[in-house]
């Protein structure tokens, strides 16, 4: 039985994890190209997306196990992190600005799951 919360399944969360993995890979390549001058700034973003990836992994596992309240709580944690990063983003942070779309995609999924603990349907 595939649990669906707010119209989102573990498969969709796993697909978003793939997007986050791609972002991390691109950030690591960027870090190599930019050198040490920007490494601290890039490392912050790599850490942020690695944390998001782990949160999404946990959400997907909990959805698969039918632990809907736990999945919702985890989604709220990830949403808080994403919101903090968006709100705290420096307008001169070119790297962060280029990541807004990826952050928005994550926020869209986790905000749907956050606080939505009802089993919508099963497949």
PDB file of N, CA and C in Angstrom:
ATOM      1  N   UNK A   1       0.843  -1.181   0.000  1.00  0.00           N
ATOM      2  CA  UNK A   1       0.000   0.000   0.000  1.00  0.00           C
ATOM      3  C   UNK A   1       0.884   1.239   0.000  1.00  0.00           C
ATOM      4  N   UNK A   2       0.635   2.134  -0.924  1.00  0.00           N
ATOM      5  CA  UNK A   2       1.403   3.352  -1.064  1.00  0.00           C
ATOM      6  C   UNK A   2       0.647   4.493  -0.391  1.00  0.00           C
ATOM      7  N   UNK A   3       1.236   5.025   0.675  1.00  0.00           N
ATOM      8  CA  UNK A   3       0.588   6.118   1.398  1.00  0.00           C
ATOM      9  C   UNK A   3       0.699   7.406   0.597  1.00  0.00           C
ATOM     10  N   UNK A   4      -0.378   8.146   0.589  1.00  0.00           N
ATOM     11  CA  UNK A   4      -0.425   9.424  -0.112  1.00  0.00           C
ATOM     12  C   UNK A   4      -0.869  10.479   0.891  1.00  0.00           C
ATOM     13  N   UNK A   5      -0.051  11.501   1.071  1.00  0.00           N
ATOM     14  CA  UNK A   5      -0.381  12.602   1.963  1.00  0.00           C
ATOM     15  C   UNK A   5      -0.354  13.873   1.132  1.00  0.00           C
ATOM     16  N   UNK A   6      -1.427  14.616   1.192  1.00  0.00           N
ATOM     17  CA  UNK A   6      -1.538  15.877   0.443  1.00  0.00           C
ATOM     18  C   UNK A   6      -1.259  15.649  -1.037  1.00  0.00           C
ATOM     19  N   UNK A   7      -1.625  14.478  -1.528  1.00  0.00           N
ATOM     20  CA  UNK A   7      -1.419  14.160  -2.934  1.00  0.00           C
ATOM     21  C   UNK A   7       0.009  13.816  -3.293  1.00  0.00           C
ATOM     22  N   UNK A   8       0.864  13.621  -2.289  1.00  0.00           N
ATOM     23  CA  UNK A   8       2.289  13.371  -2.520  1.00  0.00           C
ATOM     24  C   UNK A   8       2.645  11.984  -1.993  1.00  0.00           C
ATOM     25  N   UNK A   9       3.346  11.210  -2.815  1.00  0.00           N
ATOM     26  CA  UNK A   9       3.776   9.867  -2.423  1.00  0.00           C
ATOM     27  C   UNK A   9       5.275   9.863  -2.144  1.00  0.00           C
ATOM     28  N   UNK A  10       5.744   8.764  -1.570  1.00  0.00           N
ATOM     29  CA  UNK A  10       7.175   8.612  -1.322  1.00  0.00           C
ATOM     30  C   UNK A  10       7.957   8.634  -2.632  1.00  0.00           C
ATOM     31  N   UNK A  11       7.360   8.142  -3.707  1.00  0.00           N
ATOM     32  CA  UNK A  11       8.029   8.136  -5.013  1.00  0.00           C
ATOM     33  C   UNK A  11       8.301   9.568  -5.478  1.00  0.00           C
ATOM     34  N   UNK A  12       7.348  10.453  -5.265  1.00  0.00           N
ATOM     35  CA  UNK A  12       7.539  11.854  -5.646  1.00  0.00           C
ATOM     36  C   UNK A  12       8.601  12.527  -4.777  1.00  0.00           C
ATOM     37  N   UNK A  13       8.640  12.177  -3.505  1.00  0.00           N
ATOM     38  CA  UNK A  13       9.671  12.722  -2.620  1.00  0.00           C
ATOM     39  C   UNK A  13      11.040  12.219  -3.069  1.00  0.00           C
ATOM     40  N   UNK A  14      11.125  10.946  -3.448  1.00  0.00           N
ATOM     41  CA  UNK A  14      12.389  10.393  -3.936  1.00  0.00           C
ATOM     42  C   UNK A  14      12.829  11.071  -5.232  1.00  0.00           C
ATOM     43  N   UNK A  15      11.895  11.415  -6.091  1.00  0.00           N
ATOM     44  CA  UNK A  15      12.230  12.140  -7.324  1.00  0.00           C
ATOM     45  C   UNK A  15      12.809  13.513  -6.992  1.00  0.00           C
ATOM     46  N   UNK A  16      12.248  14.167  -5.985  1.00  0.00           N
ATOM     47  CA  UNK A  16      12.779  15.455  -5.546  1.00  0.00           C
ATOM     48  C   UNK A  16      14.176  15.281  -4.956  1.00  0.00           C
ATOM     49  N   UNK A  17      14.414  14.165  -4.285  1.00  0.00           N
ATOM     50  CA  UNK A  17      15.754  13.873  -3.767  1.00  0.00           C
ATOM     51  C   UNK A  17      16.762  13.817  -4.912  1.00  0.00           C
ATOM     52  N   UNK A  18      16.373  13.257  -6.048  1.00  0.00           N
ATOM     53  CA  UNK A  18      17.261  13.209  -7.214  1.00  0.00           C
ATOM     54  C   UNK A  18      17.618  14.616  -7.686  1.00  0.00           C
ATOM     55  N   UNK A  19      16.648  15.511  -7.671  1.00  0.00           N
ATOM     56  CA  UNK A  19      16.896  16.904  -8.048  1.00  0.00           C
ATOM     57  C   UNK A  19      17.882  17.534  -7.071  1.00  0.00           C
ATOM     58  N   UNK A  20      17.677  17.292  -5.786  1.00  0.00           N
ATOM     59  CA  UNK A  20      18.568  17.838  -4.757  1.00  0.00           C
ATOM     60  C   UNK A  20      19.975  17.267  -4.926  1.00  0.00           C
ATOM     61  N   UNK A  21      20.085  15.973  -5.231  1.00  0.00           N
ATOM     62  CA  UNK A  21      21.399  15.370  -5.492  1.00  0.00           C
ATOM     63  C   UNK A  21      22.098  16.072  -6.655  1.00  0.00           C
ATOM     64  N   UNK A  22      21.355  16.365  -7.714  1.00  0.00           N
ATOM     65  CA  UNK A  22      21.926  17.075  -8.862  1.00  0.00           C
ATOM     66  C   UNK A  22      22.425  18.459  -8.463  1.00  0.00           C
ATOM     67  N   UNK A  23      21.678  19.145  -7.614  1.00  0.00           N
ATOM     68  CA  UNK A  23      22.094  20.467  -7.141  1.00  0.00           C
ATOM     69  C   UNK A  23      23.404  20.348  -6.371  1.00  0.00           C
ATOM     70  N   UNK A  24      23.514  19.357  -5.508  1.00  0.00           N
ATOM     71  CA  UNK A  24      24.738  19.167  -4.722  1.00  0.00           C
ATOM     72  C   UNK A  24      25.926  18.896  -5.640  1.00  0.00           C
ATOM     73  N   UNK A  25      25.739  18.038  -6.623  1.00  0.00           N
ATOM     74  CA  UNK A  25      26.819  17.730  -7.570  1.00  0.00           C
ATOM     75  C   UNK A  25      27.262  18.995  -8.304  1.00  0.00           C
ATOM     76  N   UNK A  26      26.315  19.789  -8.743  1.00  0.00           N
ATOM     77  CA  UNK A  26      26.653  21.030  -9.455  1.00  0.00           C
ATOM     78  C   UNK A  26      27.358  22.024  -8.538  1.00  0.00           C
ATOM     79  N   UNK A  27      26.937  22.074  -7.278  1.00  0.00           N
ATOM     80  CA  UNK A  27      27.610  22.956  -6.323  1.00  0.00           C
ATOM     81  C   UNK A  27      29.047  22.505  -6.074  1.00  0.00           C
ATOM     82  N   UNK A  28      29.259  21.199  -5.990  1.00  0.00           N
ATOM     83  CA  UNK A  28      30.621  20.693  -5.793  1.00  0.00           C
ATOM     84  C   UNK A  28      31.506  21.022  -6.997  1.00  0.00           C
ATOM     85  N   UNK A  29      30.961  20.917  -8.199  1.00  0.00           N
ATOM     86  CA  UNK A  29      31.715  21.295  -9.409  1.00  0.00           C
ATOM     87  C   UNK A  29      32.011  22.792  -9.406  1.00  0.00           C
ATOM     88  N   UNK A  30      31.028  23.579  -9.018  1.00  0.00           N
ATOM     89  CA  UNK A  30      31.206  25.027  -8.952  1.00  0.00           C
ATOM     90  C   UNK A  30      32.307  25.385  -7.968  1.00  0.00           C
ATOM     91  N   UNK A  31      32.330  24.721  -6.850  1.00  0.00           N
ATOM     92  CA  UNK A  31      33.349  24.967  -5.828  1.00  0.00           C
ATOM     93  C   UNK A  31      34.743  24.725  -6.398  1.00  0.00           C
ATOM     94  N   UNK A  32      34.890  23.660  -7.173  1.00  0.00           N
ATOM     95  CA  UNK A  32      36.186  23.370  -7.789  1.00  0.00           C
ATOM     96  C   UNK A  32      36.579  24.459  -8.787  1.00  0.00           C
ATOM     97  N   UNK A  33      35.616  24.938  -9.555  1.00  0.00           N
ATOM     98  CA  UNK A  33      35.904  25.972 -10.559  1.00  0.00           C
ATOM     99  C   UNK A  33      36.222  27.320  -9.918  1.00  0.00           C
ATOM    100  N   UNK A  34      35.510  27.659  -8.859  1.00  0.00           N
ATOM    101  CA  UNK A  34      35.689  28.974  -8.245  1.00  0.00           C
ATOM    102  C   UNK A  34      36.915  29.055  -7.350  1.00  0.00           C
ATOM    103  N   UNK A  35      37.339  27.929  -6.828  1.00  0.00           N
ATOM    104  CA  UNK A  35      38.501  27.928  -5.958  1.00  0.00           C
ATOM    105  C   UNK A  35      38.170  28.328  -4.532  1.00  0.00           C
ATOM    106  N   UNK A  36      39.217  28.580  -3.777  1.00  0.00           N
ATOM    107  CA  UNK A  36      39.076  28.786  -2.336  1.00  0.00           C
ATOM    108  C   UNK A  36      38.382  30.097  -1.970  1.00  0.00           C
ATOM    109  N   UNK A  37      38.378  31.057  -2.872  1.00  0.00           N
ATOM    110  CA  UNK A  37      37.788  32.362  -2.551  1.00  0.00           C
ATOM    111  C   UNK A  37      36.304  32.253  -2.193  1.00  0.00           C
ATOM    112  N   UNK A  38      35.584  31.371  -2.865  1.00  0.00           N
ATOM    113  CA  UNK A  38      34.151  31.221  -2.626  1.00  0.00           C
ATOM    114  C   UNK A  38      33.798  29.915  -1.921  1.00  0.00           C
ATOM    115  N   UNK A  39      34.797  29.164  -1.496  1.00  0.00           N
ATOM    116  CA  UNK A  39      34.518  27.823  -0.964  1.00  0.00           C
ATOM    117  C   UNK A  39      33.619  27.843   0.271  1.00  0.00           C
ATOM    118  N   UNK A  40      33.786  28.820   1.142  1.00  0.00           N
ATOM    119  CA  UNK A  40      32.951  28.872   2.346  1.00  0.00           C
ATOM    120  C   UNK A  40      31.484  29.106   1.983  1.00  0.00           C
ATOM    121  N   UNK A  41      31.255  30.006   1.042  1.00  0.00           N
ATOM    122  CA  UNK A  41      29.891  30.304   0.605  1.00  0.00           C
ATOM    123  C   UNK A  41      29.266  29.080  -0.066  1.00  0.00           C
ATOM    124  N   UNK A  42      30.022  28.414  -0.932  1.00  0.00           N
ATOM    125  CA  UNK A  42      29.506  27.229  -1.616  1.00  0.00           C
ATOM    126  C   UNK A  42      29.291  26.102  -0.617  1.00  0.00           C
ATOM    127  N   UNK A  43      30.203  25.946   0.338  1.00  0.00           N
ATOM    128  CA  UNK A  43      30.054  24.896   1.357  1.00  0.00           C
ATOM    129  C   UNK A  43      28.764  25.061   2.154  1.00  0.00           C
ATOM    130  N   UNK A  44      28.388  26.301   2.449  1.00  0.00           N
ATOM    131  CA  UNK A  44      27.128  26.541   3.172  1.00  0.00           C
ATOM    132  C   UNK A  44      25.943  25.992   2.386  1.00  0.00           C
ATOM    133  N   UNK A  45      25.965  26.223   1.080  1.00  0.00           N
ATOM    134  CA  UNK A  45      24.863  25.740   0.250  1.00  0.00           C
ATOM    135  C   UNK A  45      24.899  24.227   0.090  1.00  0.00           C
ATOM    136  N   UNK A  46      26.092  23.665  -0.021  1.00  0.00           N
ATOM    137  CA  UNK A  46      26.204  22.202  -0.099  1.00  0.00           C
ATOM    138  C   UNK A  46      25.646  21.588   1.177  1.00  0.00           C
ATOM    139  N   UNK A  47      26.015  22.143   2.328  1.00  0.00           N
ATOM    140  CA  UNK A  47      25.515  21.637   3.604  1.00  0.00           C
ATOM    141  C   UNK A  47      23.995  21.762   3.674  1.00  0.00           C
ATOM    142  N   UNK A  48      23.472  22.893   3.239  1.00  0.00           N
ATOM    143  CA  UNK A  48      22.016  23.102   3.256  1.00  0.00           C
ATOM    144  C   UNK A  48      21.306  22.038   2.436  1.00  0.00           C
ATOM    145  N   UNK A  49      21.769  21.815   1.217  1.00  0.00           N
ATOM    146  CA  UNK A  49      21.100  20.842   0.359  1.00  0.00           C
ATOM    147  C   UNK A  49      21.342  19.408   0.823  1.00  0.00           C
ATOM    148  N   UNK A  50      22.484  19.136   1.452  1.00  0.00           N
ATOM    149  CA  UNK A  50      22.709  17.799   2.018  1.00  0.00           C
ATOM    150  C   UNK A  50      21.728  17.547   3.164  1.00  0.00           C
ATOM    151  N   UNK A  51      21.494  18.556   3.979  1.00  0.00           N
ATOM    152  CA  UNK A  51      20.532  18.437   5.072  1.00  0.00           C
ATOM    153  C   UNK A  51      19.123  18.237   4.521  1.00  0.00           C
ATOM    154  N   UNK A  52      18.790  18.991   3.480  1.00  0.00           N
ATOM    155  CA  UNK A  52      17.482  18.833   2.832  1.00  0.00           C
ATOM    156  C   UNK A  52      17.340  17.421   2.286  1.00  0.00           C
ATOM    157  N   UNK A  53      18.383  16.919   1.633  1.00  0.00           N
ATOM    158  CA  UNK A  53      18.347  15.565   1.071  1.00  0.00           C
ATOM    159  C   UNK A  53      18.077  14.528   2.158  1.00  0.00           C
ATOM    160  N   UNK A  54      18.750  14.651   3.285  1.00  0.00           N
ATOM    161  CA  UNK A  54      18.538  13.700   4.386  1.00  0.00           C
ATOM    162  C   UNK A  54      17.119  13.808   4.931  1.00  0.00           C
ATOM    163  N   UNK A  55      16.607  15.021   5.016  1.00  0.00           N
ATOM    164  CA  UNK A  55      15.224  15.206   5.458  1.00  0.00           C
ATOM    165  C   UNK A  55      14.237  14.573   4.498  1.00  0.00           C
ATOM    166  N   UNK A  56      14.458  14.757   3.202  1.00  0.00           N
ATOM    167  CA  UNK A  56      13.581  14.153   2.195  1.00  0.00           C
ATOM    168  C   UNK A  56      13.659  12.632   2.242  1.00  0.00           C
ATOM    169  N   UNK A  57      14.857  12.118   2.461  1.00  0.00           N
ATOM    170  CA  UNK A  57      15.030  10.659   2.568  1.00  0.00           C
ATOM    171  C   UNK A  57      14.212  10.126   3.739  1.00  0.00           C
ATOM    172  N   UNK A  58      14.286  10.813   4.858  1.00  0.00           N
ATOM    173  CA  UNK A  58      13.533  10.413   6.043  1.00  0.00           C
ATOM    174  C   UNK A  58      12.027  10.495   5.787  1.00  0.00           C
ATOM    175  N   UNK A  59      11.596  11.551   5.109  1.00  0.00           N
ATOM    176  CA  UNK A  59      10.171  11.704   4.786  1.00  0.00           C
ATOM    177  C   UNK A  59       9.707  10.549   3.910  1.00  0.00           C
ATOM    178  N   UNK A  60      10.477  10.225   2.872  1.00  0.00           N
ATOM    179  CA  UNK A  60      10.105   9.141   1.957  1.00  0.00           C
ATOM    180  C   UNK A  60       9.997   7.814   2.699  1.00  0.00           C
ATOM    181  N   UNK A  61      10.966   7.537   3.573  1.00  0.00           N
ATOM    182  CA  UNK A  61      10.939   6.289   4.344  1.00  0.00           C
ATOM    183  C   UNK A  61       9.707   6.227   5.241  1.00  0.00           C
ATOM    184  N   UNK A  62       9.403   7.332   5.882  1.00  0.00           N
ATOM    185  CA  UNK A  62       8.253   7.358   6.792  1.00  0.00           C
ATOM    186  C   UNK A  62       6.942   7.223   6.028  1.00  0.00           C
ATOM    187  N   UNK A  63       6.873   7.818   4.849  1.00  0.00           N
ATOM    188  CA  UNK A  63       5.675   7.646   4.024  1.00  0.00           C
ATOM    189  C   UNK A  63       5.516   6.187   3.606  1.00  0.00           C
ATOM    190  N   UNK A  64       6.636   5.558   3.216  1.00  0.00           N
ATOM    191  CA  UNK A  64       6.586   4.151   2.809  1.00  0.00           C
ATOM    192  C   UNK A  64       6.118   3.254   3.945  1.00  0.00           C
ATOM    193  N   UNK A  65       6.500   3.603   5.169  1.00  0.00           N
ATOM    194  CA  UNK A  65       6.141   2.801   6.338  1.00  0.00           C
ATOM    195  C   UNK A  65       4.761   3.170   6.885  1.00  0.00           C
ATOM    196  N   UNK A  66       4.118   4.164   6.291  1.00  0.00           N
ATOM    197  CA  UNK A  66       2.802   4.584   6.762  1.00  0.00           C
ATOM    198  C   UNK A  66       2.845   5.436   8.017  1.00  0.00           C
ATOM    199  N   UNK A  67       4.023   5.954   8.350  1.00  0.00           N
ATOM    200  CA  UNK A  67       4.190   6.798   9.538  1.00  0.00           C
ATOM    201  C   UNK A  67       3.909   8.254   9.145  1.00  0.00           C
ATOM    202  N   UNK A  68       2.635   8.551   8.958  1.00  0.00           N
ATOM    203  CA  UNK A  68       2.248   9.820   8.359  1.00  0.00           C
ATOM    204  C   UNK A  68       2.509  11.018   9.257  1.00  0.00           C
ATOM    205  N   UNK A  69       2.269  10.870  10.545  1.00  0.00           N
ATOM    206  CA  UNK A  69       2.513  11.980  11.472  1.00  0.00           C
ATOM    207  C   UNK A  69       4.006  12.285  11.522  1.00  0.00           C
ATOM    208  N   UNK A  70       4.833  11.246  11.583  1.00  0.00           N
ATOM    209  CA  UNK A  70       6.288  11.443  11.594  1.00  0.00           C
ATOM    210  C   UNK A  70       6.769  12.080  10.296  1.00  0.00           C
ATOM    211  N   UNK A  71       6.205  11.648   9.164  1.00  0.00           N
ATOM    212  CA  UNK A  71       6.576  12.233   7.871  1.00  0.00           C
ATOM    213  C   UNK A  71       6.203  13.711   7.836  1.00  0.00           C
ATOM    214  N   UNK A  72       5.036  14.027   8.361  1.00  0.00           N
ATOM    215  CA  UNK A  72       4.586  15.414   8.400  1.00  0.00           C
ATOM    216  C   UNK A  72       5.498  16.258   9.286  1.00  0.00           C
ATOM    217  N   UNK A  73       5.867  15.730  10.443  1.00  0.00           N
ATOM    218  CA  UNK A  73       6.763  16.453  11.352  1.00  0.00           C
ATOM    219  C   UNK A  73       8.121  16.700  10.707  1.00  0.00           C
ATOM    220  N   UNK A  74       8.652  15.697  10.032  1.00  0.00           N
ATOM    221  CA  UNK A  74       9.937  15.830   9.339  1.00  0.00           C
ATOM    222  C   UNK A  74       9.829  16.887   8.236  1.00  0.00           C
ATOM    223  N   UNK A  75       8.712  16.882   7.523  1.00  0.00           N
ATOM    224  CA  UNK A  75       8.492  17.874   6.469  1.00  0.00           C
ATOM    225  C   UNK A  75       8.495  19.288   7.049  1.00  0.00           C
ATOM    226  N   UNK A  76       7.925  19.450   8.231  1.00  0.00           N
ATOM    227  CA  UNK A  76       7.912  20.766   8.883  1.00  0.00           C
ATOM    228  C   UNK A  76       9.330  21.225   9.212  1.00  0.00           C
ATOM    229  N   UNK A  77      10.184  20.293   9.637  1.00  0.00           N
ATOM    230  CA  UNK A  77      11.583  20.628   9.933  1.00  0.00           C
ATOM    231  C   UNK A  77      12.308  21.096   8.672  1.00  0.00           C
ATOM    232  N   UNK A  78      12.121  20.363   7.589  1.00  0.00           N
ATOM    233  CA  UNK A  78      12.766  20.736   6.328  1.00  0.00           C
ATOM    234  C   UNK A  78      12.221  22.079   5.843  1.00  0.00           C
ATOM    235  N   UNK A  79      10.919  22.271   5.974  1.00  0.00           N
ATOM    236  CA  UNK A  79      10.318  23.540   5.552  1.00  0.00           C
ATOM    237  C   UNK A  79      10.907  24.710   6.336  1.00  0.00           C
ATOM    238  N   UNK A  80      11.100  24.536   7.640  1.00  0.00           N
ATOM    239  CA  UNK A  80      11.690  25.609   8.461  1.00  0.00           C
ATOM    240  C   UNK A  80      13.088  25.969   7.960  1.00  0.00           C
ATOM    241  N   UNK A  81      13.894  24.942   7.659  1.00  0.00           N
ATOM    242  CA  UNK A  81      15.248  25.198   7.159  1.00  0.00           C
ATOM    243  C   UNK A  81      15.198  25.963   5.835  1.00  0.00           C
ATOM    244  N   UNK A  82      14.375  25.500   4.916  1.00  0.00           N
ATOM    245  CA  UNK A  82      14.276  26.153   3.610  1.00  0.00           C
ATOM    246  C   UNK A  82      13.820  27.600   3.779  1.00  0.00           C
ATOM    247  N   UNK A  83      12.827  27.821   4.604  1.00  0.00           N
ATOM    248  CA  UNK A  83      12.342  29.187   4.829  1.00  0.00           C
ATOM    249  C   UNK A  83      13.420  30.071   5.439  1.00  0.00           C
ATOM    250  N   UNK A  84      14.183  29.538   6.391  1.00  0.00           N
ATOM    251  CA  UNK A  84      15.265  30.314   7.004  1.00  0.00           C
ATOM    252  C   UNK A  84      16.315  30.684   5.965  1.00  0.00           C
ATOM    253  N   UNK A  85      16.652  29.748   5.093  1.00  0.00           N
ATOM    254  CA  UNK A  85      17.663  30.019   4.072  1.00  0.00           C
ATOM    255  C   UNK A  85      17.160  31.053   3.060  1.00  0.00           C
ATOM    256  N   UNK A  86      15.884  30.978   2.711  1.00  0.00           N
ATOM    257  CA  UNK A  86      15.332  31.943   1.756  1.00  0.00           C
ATOM    258  C   UNK A  86      15.256  33.329   2.390  1.00  0.00           C
ATOM    259  N   UNK A  87      14.756  33.401   3.614  1.00  0.00           N
ATOM    260  CA  UNK A  87      14.618  34.686   4.302  1.00  0.00           C
ATOM    261  C   UNK A  87      15.979  35.311   4.572  1.00  0.00           C
ATOM    262  N   UNK A  88      16.949  34.482   4.966  1.00  0.00           N
ATOM    263  CA  UNK A  88      18.264  34.990   5.319  1.00  0.00           C
ATOM    264  C   UNK A  88      19.200  35.186   4.145  1.00  0.00           C
ATOM    265  N   UNK A  89      18.705  34.980   2.936  1.00  0.00           N
ATOM    266  CA  UNK A  89      19.559  35.064   1.758  1.00  0.00           C
ATOM    267  C   UNK A  89      19.998  36.503   1.506  1.00  0.00           C
ATOM    268  N   UNK A  90      21.286  36.667   1.366  1.00  0.00           N
ATOM    269  CA  UNK A  90      21.870  37.967   1.057  1.00  0.00           C
ATOM    270  C   UNK A  90      21.572  38.295  -0.406  1.00  0.00           C
ATOM    271  N   UNK A  91      21.133  39.508  -0.669  1.00  0.00           N
ATOM    272  CA  UNK A  91      20.801  39.877  -2.050  1.00  0.00           C
ATOM    273  C   UNK A  91      22.026  39.847  -2.958  1.00  0.00           C
ATOM    274  N   UNK A  92      23.215  39.888  -2.378  1.00  0.00           N
ATOM    275  CA  UNK A  92      24.446  39.822  -3.167  1.00  0.00           C
ATOM    276  C   UNK A  92      24.957  38.394  -3.331  1.00  0.00           C
ATOM    277  N   UNK A  93      24.217  37.433  -2.815  1.00  0.00           N
ATOM    278  CA  UNK A  93      24.613  36.026  -2.908  1.00  0.00           C
ATOM    279  C   UNK A  93      24.161  35.473  -4.259  1.00  0.00           C
ATOM    280  N   UNK A  94      25.048  35.565  -5.240  1.00  0.00           N
ATOM    281  CA  UNK A  94      24.710  35.106  -6.593  1.00  0.00           C
ATOM    282  C   UNK A  94      24.435  33.611  -6.614  1.00  0.00           C
ATOM    283  N   UNK A  95      25.169  32.861  -5.824  1.00  0.00           N
ATOM    284  CA  UNK A  95      24.963  31.411  -5.771  1.00  0.00           C
ATOM    285  C   UNK A  95      23.587  31.114  -5.196  1.00  0.00           C
ATOM    286  N   UNK A  96      23.267  31.738  -4.074  1.00  0.00           N
ATOM    287  CA  UNK A  96      21.961  31.536  -3.455  1.00  0.00           C
ATOM    288  C   UNK A  96      20.820  31.951  -4.363  1.00  0.00           C
ATOM    289  N   UNK A  97      21.002  33.060  -5.053  1.00  0.00           N
ATOM    290  CA  UNK A  97      19.955  33.525  -5.968  1.00  0.00           C
ATOM    291  C   UNK A  97      19.686  32.512  -7.065  1.00  0.00           C
ATOM    292  N   UNK A  98      20.733  31.857  -7.531  1.00  0.00           N
ATOM    293  CA  UNK A  98      20.552  30.863  -8.591  1.00  0.00           C
ATOM    294  C   UNK A  98      19.880  29.594  -8.070  1.00  0.00           C
ATOM    295  N   UNK A  99      19.834  29.428  -6.763  1.00  0.00           N
ATOM    296  CA  UNK A  99      19.239  28.233  -6.153  1.00  0.00           C
ATOM    297  C   UNK A  99      17.793  28.452  -5.716  1.00  0.00           C
ATOM    298  N   UNK A 100      17.265  29.631  -5.902  1.00  0.00           N
ATOM    299  CA  UNK A 100      15.896  29.933  -5.460  1.00  0.00           C
ATOM    300  C   UNK A 100      14.868  28.960  -6.021  1.00  0.00           C
ATOM    301  N   UNK A 101      14.990  28.601  -7.291  1.00  0.00           N
ATOM    302  CA  UNK A 101      14.032  27.683  -7.907  1.00  0.00           C
ATOM    303  C   UNK A 101      14.051  26.318  -7.255  1.00  0.00           C
ATOM    304  N   UNK A 102      15.256  25.823  -6.954  1.00  0.00           N
ATOM    305  CA  UNK A 102      15.374  24.520  -6.291  1.00  0.00           C
ATOM    306  C   UNK A 102      14.805  24.577  -4.880  1.00  0.00           C
ATOM    307  N   UNK A 103      15.082  25.662  -4.176  1.00  0.00           N
ATOM    308  CA  UNK A 103      14.528  25.822  -2.830  1.00  0.00           C
ATOM    309  C   UNK A 103      13.008  25.918  -2.878  1.00  0.00           C
ATOM    310  N   UNK A 104      12.495  26.612  -3.877  1.00  0.00           N
ATOM    311  CA  UNK A 104      11.038  26.745  -4.010  1.00  0.00           C
ATOM    312  C   UNK A 104      10.388  25.396  -4.298  1.00  0.00           C
ATOM    313  N   UNK A 105      11.052  24.569  -5.107  1.00  0.00           N
ATOM    314  CA  UNK A 105      10.506  23.234  -5.402  1.00  0.00           C
ATOM    315  C   UNK A 105      10.430  22.394  -4.139  1.00  0.00           C
ATOM    316  N   UNK A 106      11.494  22.431  -3.346  1.00  0.00           N
ATOM    317  CA  UNK A 106      11.504  21.682  -2.083  1.00  0.00           C
ATOM    318  C   UNK A 106      10.424  22.223  -1.159  1.00  0.00           C
ATOM    319  N   UNK A 107      10.356  23.544  -1.047  1.00  0.00           N
ATOM    320  CA  UNK A 107       9.370  24.151  -0.148  1.00  0.00           C
ATOM    321  C   UNK A 107       7.951  23.790  -0.563  1.00  0.00           C
ATOM    322  N   UNK A 108       7.688  23.733  -1.852  1.00  0.00           N
ATOM    323  CA  UNK A 108       6.353  23.376  -2.322  1.00  0.00           C
ATOM    324  C   UNK A 108       5.921  22.000  -1.863  1.00  0.00           C
ATOM    325  N   UNK A 109       6.843  21.041  -1.928  1.00  0.00           N
ATOM    326  CA  UNK A 109       6.514  19.671  -1.516  1.00  0.00           C
ATOM    327  C   UNK A 109       6.388  19.574  -0.003  1.00  0.00           C
ATOM    328  N   UNK A 110       7.387  20.071   0.717  1.00  0.00           N
ATOM    329  CA  UNK A 110       7.359  19.894   2.170  1.00  0.00           C
ATOM    330  C   UNK A 110       6.262  20.712   2.830  1.00  0.00           C
ATOM    331  N   UNK A 111       5.919  21.867   2.268  1.00  0.00           N
ATOM    332  CA  UNK A 111       4.833  22.641   2.878  1.00  0.00           C
ATOM    333  C   UNK A 111       3.494  21.940   2.697  1.00  0.00           C
ATOM    334  N   UNK A 112       3.344  21.189   1.604  1.00  0.00           N
ATOM    335  CA  UNK A 112       2.118  20.400   1.417  1.00  0.00           C
ATOM    336  C   UNK A 112       2.023  19.284   2.449  1.00  0.00           C
ATOM    337  N   UNK A 113       3.172  18.711   2.781  1.00  0.00           N
ATOM    338  CA  UNK A 113       3.196  17.603   3.739  1.00  0.00           C
ATOM    339  C   UNK A 113       3.146  18.079   5.188  1.00  0.00           C
ATOM    340  N   UNK A 114       3.705  19.249   5.444  1.00  0.00           N
ATOM    341  CA  UNK A 114       3.785  19.766   6.806  1.00  0.00           C
ATOM    342  C   UNK A 114       2.385  20.051   7.335  1.00  0.00           C
ATOM    343  N   UNK A 115       2.061  19.422   8.419  1.00  0.00           N
ATOM    344  CA  UNK A 115       0.771  19.650   9.051  1.00  0.00           C
ATOM    345  C   UNK A 115      -0.365  18.851   8.455  1.00  0.00           C
ATOM    346  N   UNK A 116      -0.103  18.125   7.376  1.00  0.00           N
ATOM    347  CA  UNK A 116      -1.149  17.328   6.741  1.00  0.00           C
ATOM    348  C   UNK A 116      -0.924  15.871   7.108  1.00  0.00           C
ATOM    349  N   UNK A 117      -1.604  15.413   8.145  1.00  0.00           N
ATOM    350  CA  UNK A 117      -1.356  14.079   8.685  1.00  0.00           C
ATOM    351  C   UNK A 117      -2.450  13.081   8.338  1.00  0.00           C
ATOM    352  N   UNK A 118      -3.329  13.436   7.441  1.00  0.00           N
ATOM    353  CA  UNK A 118      -4.450  12.562   7.099  1.00  0.00           C
ATOM    354  C   UNK A 118      -4.076  11.708   5.899  1.00  0.00           C
ATOM    355  N   UNK A 119      -4.404  10.451   5.951  1.00  0.00           N
ATOM    356  CA  UNK A 119      -4.184   9.562   4.818  1.00  0.00           C
ATOM    357  C   UNK A 119      -5.217   9.909   3.758  1.00  0.00           C
ATOM    358  N   UNK A 120      -4.752  10.526   2.666  1.00  0.00           N
ATOM    359  CA  UNK A 120      -5.667  10.963   1.618  1.00  0.00           C
ATOM    360  C   UNK A 120      -6.229   9.786   0.837  1.00  0.00           C
ATOM    361  N   UNK A 121      -5.379   8.855   0.466  1.00  0.00           N
ATOM    362  CA  UNK A 121      -5.830   7.691  -0.300  1.00  0.00           C
ATOM    363  C   UNK A 121      -4.740   6.641  -0.286  1.00  0.00           C
ATOM    364  N   UNK A 122      -5.053   5.497  -0.797  1.00  0.00           N
ATOM    365  CA  UNK A 122      -4.033   4.461  -0.926  1.00  0.00           C
ATOM    366  C   UNK A 122      -4.149   3.859  -2.309  1.00  0.00           C
ATOM    367  N   UNK A 123      -3.004   3.429  -2.822  1.00  0.00           N
ATOM    368  CA  UNK A 123      -2.958   2.860  -4.161  1.00  0.00           C
ATOM    369  C   UNK A 123      -2.570   1.404  -4.044  1.00  0.00           C
TER     370      UNK A 123
END
